[in-house]
Amino acid sequence: MAIVATCLVSLLVCCGLAWWQWDRFTSANGTFQNLGYVLQWPLFGLFPAFMFWRIRQLRLKAAAEPREPAPETRVAEVPAPRPRPGAAEAPRTDEDEELAAYNRYLRELHARDQQAAE
């Protein structure tokens, strides 16, 4: 009931603002911008009623659809911890050759940056 009252109050207030803009448009200082507001304010006033209607329709549609059981949730695998810098690394056998070459290149660049910083 409160939502319906809010929609009605919104419509009344916005229609009042449209009337005020119409008075401004018909006055000597009125512009076409005021006429645009005359057309916009009623739409703003109808928007809460439209949203109430739309939400109600979506809820009725959701209630009418049969509920499917929730899919099983899978727990994501936690990646292995990264070794600390400077720790001895065991050679990996599952690494792609191209990836291994790229990692060696990155290590060389990092070593150059460290030497340049010193």
PDB file of N, CA and C in Angstrom:
ATOM      1  N   MET A   1       0.820  -1.186   0.000  1.00  0.00           N
ATOM      2  CA  MET A   1       0.000   0.000   0.000  1.00  0.00           C
ATOM      3  C   MET A   1       0.870   1.258   0.000  1.00  0.00           C
ATOM      4  N   ALA A   2       1.996   1.180   0.692  1.00  0.00           N
ATOM      5  CA  ALA A   2       2.898   2.330   0.743  1.00  0.00           C
ATOM      6  C   ALA A   2       3.494   2.610  -0.636  1.00  0.00           C
ATOM      7  N   ILE A   3       3.730   1.563  -1.410  1.00  0.00           N
ATOM      8  CA  ILE A   3       4.299   1.754  -2.741  1.00  0.00           C
ATOM      9  C   ILE A   3       3.293   2.457  -3.641  1.00  0.00           C
ATOM     10  N   VAL A   4       2.019   2.070  -3.551  1.00  0.00           N
ATOM     11  CA  VAL A   4       0.980   2.706  -4.360  1.00  0.00           C
ATOM     12  C   VAL A   4       0.858   4.175  -3.971  1.00  0.00           C
ATOM     13  N   ALA A   5       0.900   4.462  -2.683  1.00  0.00           N
ATOM     14  CA  ALA A   5       0.816   5.850  -2.225  1.00  0.00           C
ATOM     15  C   ALA A   5       2.020   6.654  -2.728  1.00  0.00           C
ATOM     16  N   THR A   6       3.194   6.064  -2.692  1.00  0.00           N
ATOM     17  CA  THR A   6       4.388   6.736  -3.192  1.00  0.00           C
ATOM     18  C   THR A   6       4.265   7.022  -4.684  1.00  0.00           C
ATOM     19  N   CYS A   7       3.728   6.078  -5.432  1.00  0.00           N
ATOM     20  CA  CYS A   7       3.547   6.278  -6.871  1.00  0.00           C
ATOM     21  C   CYS A   7       2.563   7.417  -7.142  1.00  0.00           C
ATOM     22  N   LEU A   8       1.482   7.459  -6.370  1.00  0.00           N
ATOM     23  CA  LEU A   8       0.490   8.527  -6.565  1.00  0.00           C
ATOM     24  C   LEU A   8       1.057   9.892  -6.198  1.00  0.00           C
ATOM     25  N   VAL A   9       1.767   9.964  -5.087  1.00  0.00           N
ATOM     26  CA  VAL A   9       2.377  11.231  -4.678  1.00  0.00           C
ATOM     27  C   VAL A   9       3.391  11.683  -5.728  1.00  0.00           C
ATOM     28  N   SER A  10       4.187  10.743  -6.235  1.00  0.00           N
ATOM     29  CA  SER A  10       5.162  11.077  -7.275  1.00  0.00           C
ATOM     30  C   SER A  10       4.466  11.629  -8.514  1.00  0.00           C
ATOM     31  N   LEU A  11       3.373  10.996  -8.919  1.00  0.00           N
ATOM     32  CA  LEU A  11       2.646  11.468 -10.092  1.00  0.00           C
ATOM     33  C   LEU A  11       2.055  12.857  -9.867  1.00  0.00           C
ATOM     34  N   LEU A  12       1.480  13.086  -8.687  1.00  0.00           N
ATOM     35  CA  LEU A  12       0.902  14.396  -8.389  1.00  0.00           C
ATOM     36  C   LEU A  12       1.956  15.497  -8.358  1.00  0.00           C
ATOM     37  N   VAL A  13       3.078  15.223  -7.713  1.00  0.00           N
ATOM     38  CA  VAL A  13       4.156  16.213  -7.631  1.00  0.00           C
ATOM     39  C   VAL A  13       4.698  16.528  -9.024  1.00  0.00           C
ATOM     40  N   CYS A  14       4.914  15.500  -9.815  1.00  0.00           N
ATOM     41  CA  CYS A  14       5.472  15.726 -11.149  1.00  0.00           C
ATOM     42  C   CYS A  14       4.472  16.425 -12.070  1.00  0.00           C
ATOM     43  N   CYS A  15       3.178  16.128 -11.914  1.00  0.00           N
ATOM     44  CA  CYS A  15       2.177  16.863 -12.707  1.00  0.00           C
ATOM     45  C   CYS A  15       2.127  18.329 -12.271  1.00  0.00           C
ATOM     46  N   GLY A  16       2.303  18.587 -10.987  1.00  0.00           N
ATOM     47  CA  GLY A  16       2.387  19.972 -10.509  1.00  0.00           C
ATOM     48  C   GLY A  16       3.586  20.692 -11.104  1.00  0.00           C
ATOM     49  N   LEU A  17       4.711  20.001 -11.178  1.00  0.00           N
ATOM     50  CA  LEU A  17       5.904  20.602 -11.787  1.00  0.00           C
ATOM     51  C   LEU A  17       5.703  20.827 -13.283  1.00  0.00           C
ATOM     52  N   ALA A  18       4.971  19.933 -13.937  1.00  0.00           N
ATOM     53  CA  ALA A  18       4.680  20.124 -15.354  1.00  0.00           C
ATOM     54  C   ALA A  18       3.794  21.354 -15.542  1.00  0.00           C
ATOM     55  N   TRP A  19       2.816  21.528 -14.656  1.00  0.00           N
ATOM     56  CA  TRP A  19       1.947  22.708 -14.734  1.00  0.00           C
ATOM     57  C   TRP A  19       2.756  23.986 -14.538  1.00  0.00           C
ATOM     58  N   TRP A  20       3.680  23.949 -13.578  1.00  0.00           N
ATOM     59  CA  TRP A  20       4.544  25.106 -13.321  1.00  0.00           C
ATOM     60  C   TRP A  20       5.384  25.424 -14.565  1.00  0.00           C
ATOM     61  N   GLN A  21       5.923  24.385 -15.217  1.00  0.00           N
ATOM     62  CA  GLN A  21       6.719  24.618 -16.422  1.00  0.00           C
ATOM     63  C   GLN A  21       5.836  25.134 -17.566  1.00  0.00           C
ATOM     64  N   TRP A  22       4.569  24.697 -17.620  1.00  0.00           N
ATOM     65  CA  TRP A  22       3.663  25.206 -18.641  1.00  0.00           C
ATOM     66  C   TRP A  22       3.415  26.708 -18.438  1.00  0.00           C
ATOM     67  N   ASP A  23       3.250  27.102 -17.161  1.00  0.00           N
ATOM     68  CA  ASP A  23       3.095  28.525 -16.864  1.00  0.00           C
ATOM     69  C   ASP A  23       4.337  29.308 -17.279  1.00  0.00           C
ATOM     70  N   ARG A  24       5.493  28.730 -17.050  1.00  0.00           N
ATOM     71  CA  ARG A  24       6.743  29.383 -17.460  1.00  0.00           C
ATOM     72  C   ARG A  24       6.821  29.488 -18.980  1.00  0.00           C
ATOM     73  N   PHE A  25       6.365  28.439 -19.698  1.00  0.00           N
ATOM     74  CA  PHE A  25       6.431  28.435 -21.159  1.00  0.00           C
ATOM     75  C   PHE A  25       5.505  29.493 -21.751  1.00  0.00           C
ATOM     76  N   THR A  26       4.328  29.642 -21.168  1.00  0.00           N
ATOM     77  CA  THR A  26       3.366  30.600 -21.713  1.00  0.00           C
ATOM     78  C   THR A  26       3.658  32.036 -21.289  1.00  0.00           C
ATOM     79  N   SER A  27       4.583  32.236 -20.367  1.00  0.00           N
ATOM     80  CA  SER A  27       4.923  33.604 -19.957  1.00  0.00           C
ATOM     81  C   SER A  27       5.799  34.258 -21.022  1.00  0.00           C
ATOM     82  N   ALA A  28       6.095  35.527 -20.831  1.00  0.00           N
ATOM     83  CA  ALA A  28       6.900  36.271 -21.804  1.00  0.00           C
ATOM     84  C   ALA A  28       8.331  35.748 -21.867  1.00  0.00           C
ATOM     85  N   ASN A  29       8.831  35.186 -20.771  1.00  0.00           N
ATOM     86  CA  ASN A  29      10.211  34.689 -20.728  1.00  0.00           C
ATOM     87  C   ASN A  29      10.308  33.210 -21.080  1.00  0.00           C
ATOM     88  N   GLY A  30       9.191  32.556 -21.428  1.00  0.00           N
ATOM     89  CA  GLY A  30       9.187  31.114 -21.671  1.00  0.00           C
ATOM     90  C   GLY A  30       9.980  30.725 -22.908  1.00  0.00           C
ATOM     91  N   THR A  31      10.606  29.547 -22.828  1.00  0.00           N
ATOM     92  CA  THR A  31      11.386  29.017 -23.946  1.00  0.00           C
ATOM     93  C   THR A  31      10.888  27.615 -24.270  1.00  0.00           C
ATOM     94  N   PHE A  32      11.406  27.058 -25.349  1.00  0.00           N
ATOM     95  CA  PHE A  32      11.033  25.692 -25.712  1.00  0.00           C
ATOM     96  C   PHE A  32      11.618  24.671 -24.740  1.00  0.00           C
ATOM     97  N   GLN A  33      12.620  25.074 -23.984  1.00  0.00           N
ATOM     98  CA  GLN A  33      13.147  24.193 -22.944  1.00  0.00           C
ATOM     99  C   GLN A  33      12.055  23.950 -21.899  1.00  0.00           C
ATOM    100  N   ASN A  34      11.296  24.992 -21.558  1.00  0.00           N
ATOM    101  CA  ASN A  34      10.193  24.829 -20.616  1.00  0.00           C
ATOM    102  C   ASN A  34       9.142  23.870 -21.176  1.00  0.00           C
ATOM    103  N   LEU A  35       8.875  23.951 -22.469  1.00  0.00           N
ATOM    104  CA  LEU A  35       7.925  23.035 -23.092  1.00  0.00           C
ATOM    105  C   LEU A  35       8.435  21.598 -23.026  1.00  0.00           C
ATOM    106  N   GLY A  36       9.716  21.425 -23.192  1.00  0.00           N
ATOM    107  CA  GLY A  36      10.299  20.086 -23.052  1.00  0.00           C
ATOM    108  C   GLY A  36      10.092  19.540 -21.654  1.00  0.00           C
ATOM    109  N   TYR A  37      10.271  20.380 -20.644  1.00  0.00           N
ATOM    110  CA  TYR A  37      10.032  19.955 -19.266  1.00  0.00           C
ATOM    111  C   TYR A  37       8.570  19.628 -19.032  1.00  0.00           C
ATOM    112  N   VAL A  38       7.671  20.352 -19.702  1.00  0.00           N
ATOM    113  CA  VAL A  38       6.238  20.058 -19.579  1.00  0.00           C
ATOM    114  C   VAL A  38       5.973  18.628 -20.015  1.00  0.00           C
ATOM    115  N   LEU A  39       6.659  18.180 -21.042  1.00  0.00           N
ATOM    116  CA  LEU A  39       6.464  16.817 -21.539  1.00  0.00           C
ATOM    117  C   LEU A  39       7.213  15.779 -20.703  1.00  0.00           C
ATOM    118  N   GLN A  40       8.307  16.180 -20.094  1.00  0.00           N
ATOM    119  CA  GLN A  40       9.120  15.227 -19.334  1.00  0.00           C
ATOM    120  C   GLN A  40       8.573  14.944 -17.941  1.00  0.00           C
ATOM    121  N   TRP A  41       8.074  15.947 -17.238  1.00  0.00           N
ATOM    122  CA  TRP A  41       7.669  15.756 -15.844  1.00  0.00           C
ATOM    123  C   TRP A  41       6.608  14.677 -15.668  1.00  0.00           C
ATOM    124  N   PRO A  42       5.568  14.593 -16.503  1.00  0.00           N
ATOM    125  CA  PRO A  42       4.621  13.489 -16.320  1.00  0.00           C
ATOM    126  C   PRO A  42       5.260  12.111 -16.506  1.00  0.00           C
ATOM    127  N   LEU A  43       6.237  12.025 -17.414  1.00  0.00           N
ATOM    128  CA  LEU A  43       6.933  10.741 -17.581  1.00  0.00           C
ATOM    129  C   LEU A  43       7.724  10.385 -16.325  1.00  0.00           C
ATOM    130  N   PHE A  44       8.364  11.389 -15.738  1.00  0.00           N
ATOM    131  CA  PHE A  44       9.080  11.136 -14.480  1.00  0.00           C
ATOM    132  C   PHE A  44       8.109  10.675 -13.391  1.00  0.00           C
ATOM    133  N   GLY A  45       6.905  11.252 -13.375  1.00  0.00           N
ATOM    134  CA  GLY A  45       5.911  10.872 -12.372  1.00  0.00           C
ATOM    135  C   GLY A  45       5.370   9.478 -12.583  1.00  0.00           C
ATOM    136  N   LEU A  46       5.313   9.008 -13.830  1.00  0.00           N
ATOM    137  CA  LEU A  46       4.810   7.669 -14.122  1.00  0.00           C
ATOM    138  C   LEU A  46       5.869   6.586 -13.930  1.00  0.00           C
ATOM    139  N   PHE A  47       7.127   6.968 -13.875  1.00  0.00           N
ATOM    140  CA  PHE A  47       8.204   5.979 -13.786  1.00  0.00           C
ATOM    141  C   PHE A  47       8.110   5.087 -12.545  1.00  0.00           C
ATOM    142  N   PRO A  48       7.870   5.609 -11.330  1.00  0.00           N
ATOM    143  CA  PRO A  48       7.750   4.701 -10.175  1.00  0.00           C
ATOM    144  C   PRO A  48       6.606   3.703 -10.342  1.00  0.00           C
ATOM    145  N   ALA A  49       5.477   4.136 -10.933  1.00  0.00           N
ATOM    146  CA  ALA A  49       4.371   3.209 -11.149  1.00  0.00           C
ATOM    147  C   ALA A  49       4.770   2.130 -12.157  1.00  0.00           C
ATOM    148  N   PHE A  50       5.482   2.517 -13.190  1.00  0.00           N
ATOM    149  CA  PHE A  50       5.948   1.535 -14.169  1.00  0.00           C
ATOM    150  C   PHE A  50       6.891   0.532 -13.516  1.00  0.00           C
ATOM    151  N   MET A  51       7.802   1.011 -12.695  1.00  0.00           N
ATOM    152  CA  MET A  51       8.747   0.097 -12.027  1.00  0.00           C
ATOM    153  C   MET A  51       8.011  -0.860 -11.092  1.00  0.00           C
ATOM    154  N   PHE A  52       7.021  -0.363 -10.376  1.00  0.00           N
ATOM    155  CA  PHE A  52       6.218  -1.225  -9.497  1.00  0.00           C
ATOM    156  C   PHE A  52       5.528  -2.297 -10.329  1.00  0.00           C
ATOM    157  N   TRP A  53       4.925  -1.911 -11.462  1.00  0.00           N
ATOM    158  CA  TRP A  53       4.244  -2.866 -12.323  1.00  0.00           C
ATOM    159  C   TRP A  53       5.230  -3.889 -12.882  1.00  0.00           C
ATOM    160  N   ARG A  54       6.400  -3.416 -13.324  1.00  0.00           N
ATOM    161  CA  ARG A  54       7.392  -4.318 -13.922  1.00  0.00           C
ATOM    162  C   ARG A  54       7.932  -5.317 -12.907  1.00  0.00           C
ATOM    163  N   ILE A  55       8.222  -4.858 -11.714  1.00  0.00           N
ATOM    164  CA  ILE A  55       8.727  -5.770 -10.677  1.00  0.00           C
ATOM    165  C   ILE A  55       7.666  -6.805 -10.338  1.00  0.00           C
ATOM    166  N   ARG A  56       6.433  -6.381 -10.281  1.00  0.00           N
ATOM    167  CA  ARG A  56       5.332  -7.311  -9.989  1.00  0.00           C
ATOM    168  C   ARG A  56       5.214  -8.363 -11.089  1.00  0.00           C
ATOM    169  N   GLN A  57       5.322  -7.959 -12.342  1.00  0.00           N
ATOM    170  CA  GLN A  57       5.241  -8.902 -13.450  1.00  0.00           C
ATOM    171  C   GLN A  57       6.398  -9.906 -13.407  1.00  0.00           C
ATOM    172  N   LEU A  58       7.596  -9.419 -13.096  1.00  0.00           N
ATOM    173  CA  LEU A  58       8.753 -10.321 -13.013  1.00  0.00           C
ATOM    174  C   LEU A  58       8.600 -11.316 -11.871  1.00  0.00           C
ATOM    175  N   ARG A  59       8.066 -10.868 -10.748  1.00  0.00           N
ATOM    176  CA  ARG A  59       7.850 -11.782  -9.621  1.00  0.00           C
ATOM    177  C   ARG A  59       6.808 -12.831  -9.948  1.00  0.00           C
ATOM    178  N   LEU A  60       5.733 -12.436 -10.630  1.00  0.00           N
ATOM    179  CA  LEU A  60       4.707 -13.405 -11.016  1.00  0.00           C
ATOM    180  C   LEU A  60       5.261 -14.412 -12.012  1.00  0.00           C
ATOM    181  N   LYS A  61       6.079 -13.949 -12.938  1.00  0.00           N
ATOM    182  CA  LYS A  61       6.693 -14.848 -13.915  1.00  0.00           C
ATOM    183  C   LYS A  61       7.643 -15.831 -13.224  1.00  0.00           C
ATOM    184  N   ALA A  62       8.418 -15.326 -12.274  1.00  0.00           N
ATOM    185  CA  ALA A  62       9.351 -16.203 -11.549  1.00  0.00           C
ATOM    186  C   ALA A  62       8.600 -17.223 -10.704  1.00  0.00           C
ATOM    187  N   ALA A  63       7.467 -16.822 -10.142  1.00  0.00           N
ATOM    188  CA  ALA A  63       6.691 -17.753  -9.325  1.00  0.00           C
ATOM    189  C   ALA A  63       6.024 -18.823 -10.187  1.00  0.00           C
ATOM    190  N   ALA A  64       5.694 -18.490 -11.432  1.00  0.00           N
ATOM    191  CA  ALA A  64       5.026 -19.444 -12.312  1.00  0.00           C
ATOM    192  C   ALA A  64       5.988 -20.467 -12.905  1.00  0.00           C
ATOM    193  N   GLU A  65       7.252 -20.125 -13.010  1.00  0.00           N
ATOM    194  CA  GLU A  65       8.231 -21.045 -13.582  1.00  0.00           C
ATOM    195  C   GLU A  65       8.565 -22.132 -12.578  1.00  0.00           C
ATOM    196  N   PRO A  66       8.715 -23.375 -13.055  1.00  0.00           N
ATOM    197  CA  PRO A  66       9.097 -24.442 -12.121  1.00  0.00           C
ATOM    198  C   PRO A  66      10.529 -24.229 -11.652  1.00  0.00           C
ATOM    199  N   ARG A  67      10.736 -24.512 -10.406  1.00  0.00           N
ATOM    200  CA  ARG A  67      12.080 -24.337  -9.842  1.00  0.00           C
ATOM    201  C   ARG A  67      12.941 -25.535 -10.168  1.00  0.00           C
ATOM    202  N   GLU A  68      14.136 -25.255 -10.635  1.00  0.00           N
ATOM    203  CA  GLU A  68      15.101 -26.311 -10.915  1.00  0.00           C
ATOM    204  C   GLU A  68      16.018 -26.444  -9.699  1.00  0.00           C
ATOM    205  N   PRO A  69      16.474 -27.657  -9.449  1.00  0.00           N
ATOM    206  CA  PRO A  69      17.399 -27.795  -8.316  1.00  0.00           C
ATOM    207  C   PRO A  69      18.678 -27.002  -8.585  1.00  0.00           C
ATOM    208  N   ALA A  70      19.218 -26.469  -7.539  1.00  0.00           N
ATOM    209  CA  ALA A  70      20.436 -25.668  -7.663  1.00  0.00           C
ATOM    210  C   ALA A  70      21.583 -26.551  -8.140  1.00  0.00           C
ATOM    211  N   PRO A  71      22.391 -26.060  -9.071  1.00  0.00           N
ATOM    212  CA  PRO A  71      23.523 -26.866  -9.529  1.00  0.00           C
ATOM    213  C   PRO A  71      24.542 -27.026  -8.409  1.00  0.00           C
ATOM    214  N   GLU A  72      25.258 -28.127  -8.493  1.00  0.00           N
ATOM    215  CA  GLU A  72      26.275 -28.369  -7.467  1.00  0.00           C
ATOM    216  C   GLU A  72      27.348 -27.298  -7.556  1.00  0.00           C
ATOM    217  N   THR A  73      27.742 -26.821  -6.420  1.00  0.00           N
ATOM    218  CA  THR A  73      28.807 -25.826  -6.403  1.00  0.00           C
ATOM    219  C   THR A  73      30.144 -26.549  -6.334  1.00  0.00           C
ATOM    220  N   ARG A  74      31.023 -26.130  -7.195  1.00  0.00           N
ATOM    221  CA  ARG A  74      32.350 -26.727  -7.212  1.00  0.00           C
ATOM    222  C   ARG A  74      33.319 -25.792  -6.518  1.00  0.00           C
ATOM    223  N   VAL A  75      34.181 -26.354  -5.754  1.00  0.00           N
ATOM    224  CA  VAL A  75      35.195 -25.574  -5.060  1.00  0.00           C
ATOM    225  C   VAL A  75      36.384 -25.420  -5.992  1.00  0.00           C
ATOM    226  N   ALA A  76      36.802 -24.197  -6.158  1.00  0.00           N
ATOM    227  CA  ALA A  76      37.950 -23.944  -7.026  1.00  0.00           C
ATOM    228  C   ALA A  76      39.211 -24.486  -6.380  1.00  0.00           C
ATOM    229  N   GLU A  77      40.084 -24.991  -7.216  1.00  0.00           N
ATOM    230  CA  GLU A  77      41.343 -25.505  -6.694  1.00  0.00           C
ATOM    231  C   GLU A  77      42.256 -24.343  -6.327  1.00  0.00           C
ATOM    232  N   VAL A  78      42.919 -24.493  -5.218  1.00  0.00           N
ATOM    233  CA  VAL A  78      43.847 -23.454  -4.769  1.00  0.00           C
ATOM    234  C   VAL A  78      45.192 -23.728  -5.427  1.00  0.00           C
ATOM    235  N   PRO A  79      45.768 -22.718  -6.096  1.00  0.00           N
ATOM    236  CA  PRO A  79      47.060 -22.949  -6.743  1.00  0.00           C
ATOM    237  C   PRO A  79      48.155 -23.169  -5.708  1.00  0.00           C
ATOM    238  N   ALA A  80      49.170 -23.855  -6.144  1.00  0.00           N
ATOM    239  CA  ALA A  80      50.301 -24.122  -5.250  1.00  0.00           C
ATOM    240  C   ALA A  80      50.986 -22.805  -4.907  1.00  0.00           C
ATOM    241  N   PRO A  81      51.519 -22.691  -3.699  1.00  0.00           N
ATOM    242  CA  PRO A  81      52.177 -21.436  -3.321  1.00  0.00           C
ATOM    243  C   PRO A  81      53.427 -21.210  -4.165  1.00  0.00           C
ATOM    244  N   ARG A  82      53.706 -19.943  -4.405  1.00  0.00           N
ATOM    245  CA  ARG A  82      54.887 -19.589  -5.172  1.00  0.00           C
ATOM    246  C   ARG A  82      56.117 -19.667  -4.272  1.00  0.00           C
ATOM    247  N   PRO A  83      57.226 -20.091  -4.830  1.00  0.00           N
ATOM    248  CA  PRO A  83      58.435 -20.127  -4.005  1.00  0.00           C
ATOM    249  C   PRO A  83      58.930 -18.712  -3.747  1.00  0.00           C
ATOM    250  N   ARG A  84      59.604 -18.554  -2.631  1.00  0.00           N
ATOM    251  CA  ARG A  84      60.168 -17.247  -2.301  1.00  0.00           C
ATOM    252  C   ARG A  84      61.308 -16.934  -3.244  1.00  0.00           C
ATOM    253  N   PRO A  85      61.538 -15.649  -3.503  1.00  0.00           N
ATOM    254  CA  PRO A  85      62.671 -15.295  -4.371  1.00  0.00           C
ATOM    255  C   PRO A  85      63.975 -15.763  -3.739  1.00  0.00           C
ATOM    256  N   GLY A  86      64.824 -16.307  -4.547  1.00  0.00           N
ATOM    257  CA  GLY A  86      66.123 -16.778  -4.064  1.00  0.00           C
ATOM    258  C   GLY A  86      66.094 -18.209  -3.596  1.00  0.00           C
ATOM    259  N   ALA A  87      64.920 -18.804  -3.424  1.00  0.00           N
ATOM    260  CA  ALA A  87      64.845 -20.193  -2.992  1.00  0.00           C
ATOM    261  C   ALA A  87      65.136 -21.084  -4.189  1.00  0.00           C
ATOM    262  N   ALA A  88      65.733 -22.220  -3.925  1.00  0.00           N
ATOM    263  CA  ALA A  88      66.068 -23.154  -5.002  1.00  0.00           C
ATOM    264  C   ALA A  88      64.778 -23.739  -5.556  1.00  0.00           C
ATOM    265  N   GLU A  89      64.672 -23.695  -6.878  1.00  0.00           N
ATOM    266  CA  GLU A  89      63.471 -24.210  -7.519  1.00  0.00           C
ATOM    267  C   GLU A  89      63.775 -25.563  -8.139  1.00  0.00           C
ATOM    268  N   ALA A  90      62.841 -26.488  -7.971  1.00  0.00           N
ATOM    269  CA  ALA A  90      62.981 -27.786  -8.607  1.00  0.00           C
ATOM    270  C   ALA A  90      62.574 -27.644 -10.067  1.00  0.00           C
ATOM    271  N   PRO A  91      63.239 -28.315 -10.963  1.00  0.00           N
ATOM    272  CA  PRO A  91      62.861 -28.208 -12.374  1.00  0.00           C
ATOM    273  C   PRO A  91      61.457 -28.776 -12.597  1.00  0.00           C
ATOM    274  N   ARG A  92      60.695 -28.069 -13.401  1.00  0.00           N
ATOM    275  CA  ARG A  92      59.326 -28.504 -13.680  1.00  0.00           C
ATOM    276  C   ARG A  92      59.316 -29.310 -14.964  1.00  0.00           C
ATOM    277  N   THR A  93      58.593 -30.385 -14.934  1.00  0.00           N
ATOM    278  CA  THR A  93      58.531 -31.234 -16.115  1.00  0.00           C
ATOM    279  C   THR A  93      57.266 -30.965 -16.936  1.00  0.00           C
ATOM    280  N   ASP A  94      56.278 -30.311 -16.340  1.00  0.00           N
ATOM    281  CA  ASP A  94      55.027 -30.078 -17.058  1.00  0.00           C
ATOM    282  C   ASP A  94      55.024 -28.732 -17.791  1.00  0.00           C
ATOM    283  N   GLU A  95      56.155 -28.047 -17.824  1.00  0.00           N
ATOM    284  CA  GLU A  95      56.223 -26.730 -18.423  1.00  0.00           C
ATOM    285  C   GLU A  95      56.424 -26.831 -19.929  1.00  0.00           C
ATOM    286  N   ASP A  96      55.728 -26.014 -20.641  1.00  0.00           N
ATOM    287  CA  ASP A  96      55.856 -25.924 -22.090  1.00  0.00           C
ATOM    288  C   ASP A  96      57.225 -25.340 -22.430  1.00  0.00           C
ATOM    289  N   GLU A  97      57.840 -25.793 -23.518  1.00  0.00           N
ATOM    290  CA  GLU A  97      59.183 -25.323 -23.883  1.00  0.00           C
ATOM    291  C   GLU A  97      59.179 -23.829 -24.179  1.00  0.00           C
ATOM    292  N   GLU A  98      58.143 -23.356 -24.857  1.00  0.00           N
ATOM    293  CA  GLU A  98      58.060 -21.929 -25.168  1.00  0.00           C
ATOM    294  C   GLU A  98      57.881 -21.112 -23.894  1.00  0.00           C
ATOM    295  N   LEU A  99      57.076 -21.623 -22.974  1.00  0.00           N
ATOM    296  CA  LEU A  99      56.880 -20.947 -21.701  1.00  0.00           C
ATOM    297  C   LEU A  99      58.171 -20.933 -20.888  1.00  0.00           C
ATOM    298  N   ALA A 100      58.907 -22.032 -20.925  1.00  0.00           N
ATOM    299  CA  ALA A 100      60.173 -22.091 -20.197  1.00  0.00           C
ATOM    300  C   ALA A 100      61.161 -21.066 -20.757  1.00  0.00           C
ATOM    301  N   ALA A 101      61.203 -20.925 -22.080  1.00  0.00           N
ATOM    302  CA  ALA A 101      62.107 -19.949 -22.681  1.00  0.00           C
ATOM    303  C   ALA A 101      61.694 -18.534 -22.297  1.00  0.00           C
ATOM    304  N   TYR A 102      60.401 -18.271 -22.261  1.00  0.00           N
ATOM    305  CA  TYR A 102      59.915 -16.954 -21.874  1.00  0.00           C
ATOM    306  C   TYR A 102      60.267 -16.653 -20.415  1.00  0.00           C
ATOM    307  N   ASN A 103      60.109 -17.647 -19.542  1.00  0.00           N
ATOM    308  CA  ASN A 103      60.448 -17.460 -18.129  1.00  0.00           C
ATOM    309  C   ASN A 103      61.937 -17.210 -17.941  1.00  0.00           C
ATOM    310  N   ARG A 104      62.778 -17.913 -18.722  1.00  0.00           N
ATOM    311  CA  ARG A 104      64.224 -17.648 -18.644  1.00  0.00           C
ATOM    312  C   ARG A 104      64.528 -16.210 -19.075  1.00  0.00           C
ATOM    313  N   TYR A 105      63.859 -15.756 -20.122  1.00  0.00           N
ATOM    314  CA  TYR A 105      64.044 -14.384 -20.599  1.00  0.00           C
ATOM    315  C   TYR A 105      63.636 -13.385 -19.524  1.00  0.00           C
ATOM    316  N   LEU A 106      62.539 -13.633 -18.845  1.00  0.00           N
ATOM    317  CA  LEU A 106      62.102 -12.738 -17.777  1.00  0.00           C
ATOM    318  C   LEU A 106      63.096 -12.724 -16.623  1.00  0.00           C
ATOM    319  N   ARG A 107      63.662 -13.906 -16.289  1.00  0.00           N
ATOM    320  CA  ARG A 107      64.665 -13.953 -15.221  1.00  0.00           C
ATOM    321  C   ARG A 107      65.904 -13.148 -15.603  1.00  0.00           C
ATOM    322  N   GLU A 108      66.308 -13.235 -16.876  1.00  0.00           N
ATOM    323  CA  GLU A 108      67.468 -12.460 -17.333  1.00  0.00           C
ATOM    324  C   GLU A 108      67.189 -10.960 -17.235  1.00  0.00           C
ATOM    325  N   LEU A 109      66.000 -10.546 -17.653  1.00  0.00           N
ATOM    326  CA  LEU A 109      65.651  -9.126 -17.557  1.00  0.00           C
ATOM    327  C   LEU A 109      65.641  -8.656 -16.111  1.00  0.00           C
ATOM    328  N   HIS A 110      65.101  -9.488 -15.229  1.00  0.00           N
ATOM    329  CA  HIS A 110      65.066  -9.126 -13.818  1.00  0.00           C
ATOM    330  C   HIS A 110      66.483  -9.004 -13.259  1.00  0.00           C
ATOM    331  N   ALA A 111      67.341  -9.941 -13.642  1.00  0.00           N
ATOM    332  CA  ALA A 111      68.734  -9.886 -13.166  1.00  0.00           C
ATOM    333  C   ALA A 111      69.426  -8.622 -13.674  1.00  0.00           C
ATOM    334  N   ARG A 112      69.177  -8.236 -14.928  1.00  0.00           N
ATOM    335  CA  ARG A 112      69.768  -7.002 -15.465  1.00  0.00           C
ATOM    336  C   ARG A 112      69.274  -5.778 -14.702  1.00  0.00           C
ATOM    337  N   ASP A 113      67.982  -5.765 -14.409  1.00  0.00           N
ATOM    338  CA  ASP A 113      67.434  -4.638 -13.643  1.00  0.00           C
ATOM    339  C   ASP A 113      68.047  -4.550 -12.244  1.00  0.00           C
ATOM    340  N   GLN A 114      68.272  -5.683 -11.634  1.00  0.00           N
ATOM    341  CA  GLN A 114      68.872  -5.705 -10.302  1.00  0.00           C
ATOM    342  C   GLN A 114      70.318  -5.218 -10.345  1.00  0.00           C
ATOM    343  N   GLN A 115      71.046  -5.614 -11.397  1.00  0.00           N
ATOM    344  CA  GLN A 115      72.442  -5.170 -11.536  1.00  0.00           C
ATOM    345  C   GLN A 115      72.499  -3.672 -11.810  1.00  0.00           C
ATOM    346  N   ALA A 116      71.572  -3.173 -12.617  1.00  0.00           N
ATOM    347  CA  ALA A 116      71.563  -1.762 -12.945  1.00  0.00           C
ATOM    348  C   ALA A 116      71.191  -0.916 -11.729  1.00  0.00           C
ATOM    349  N   ALA A 117      70.372  -1.458 -10.850  1.00  0.00           N
ATOM    350  CA  ALA A 117      69.956  -0.730  -9.665  1.00  0.00           C
ATOM    351  C   ALA A 117      71.073  -0.632  -8.622  1.00  0.00           C
ATOM    352  N   GLU A 118      71.993  -1.563  -8.670  1.00  0.00           N
ATOM    353  CA  GLU A 118      73.088  -1.587  -7.675  1.00  0.00           C
ATOM    354  C   GLU A 118      74.159  -0.668  -8.006  1.00  0.00           C
TER     355      GLU A 118
END
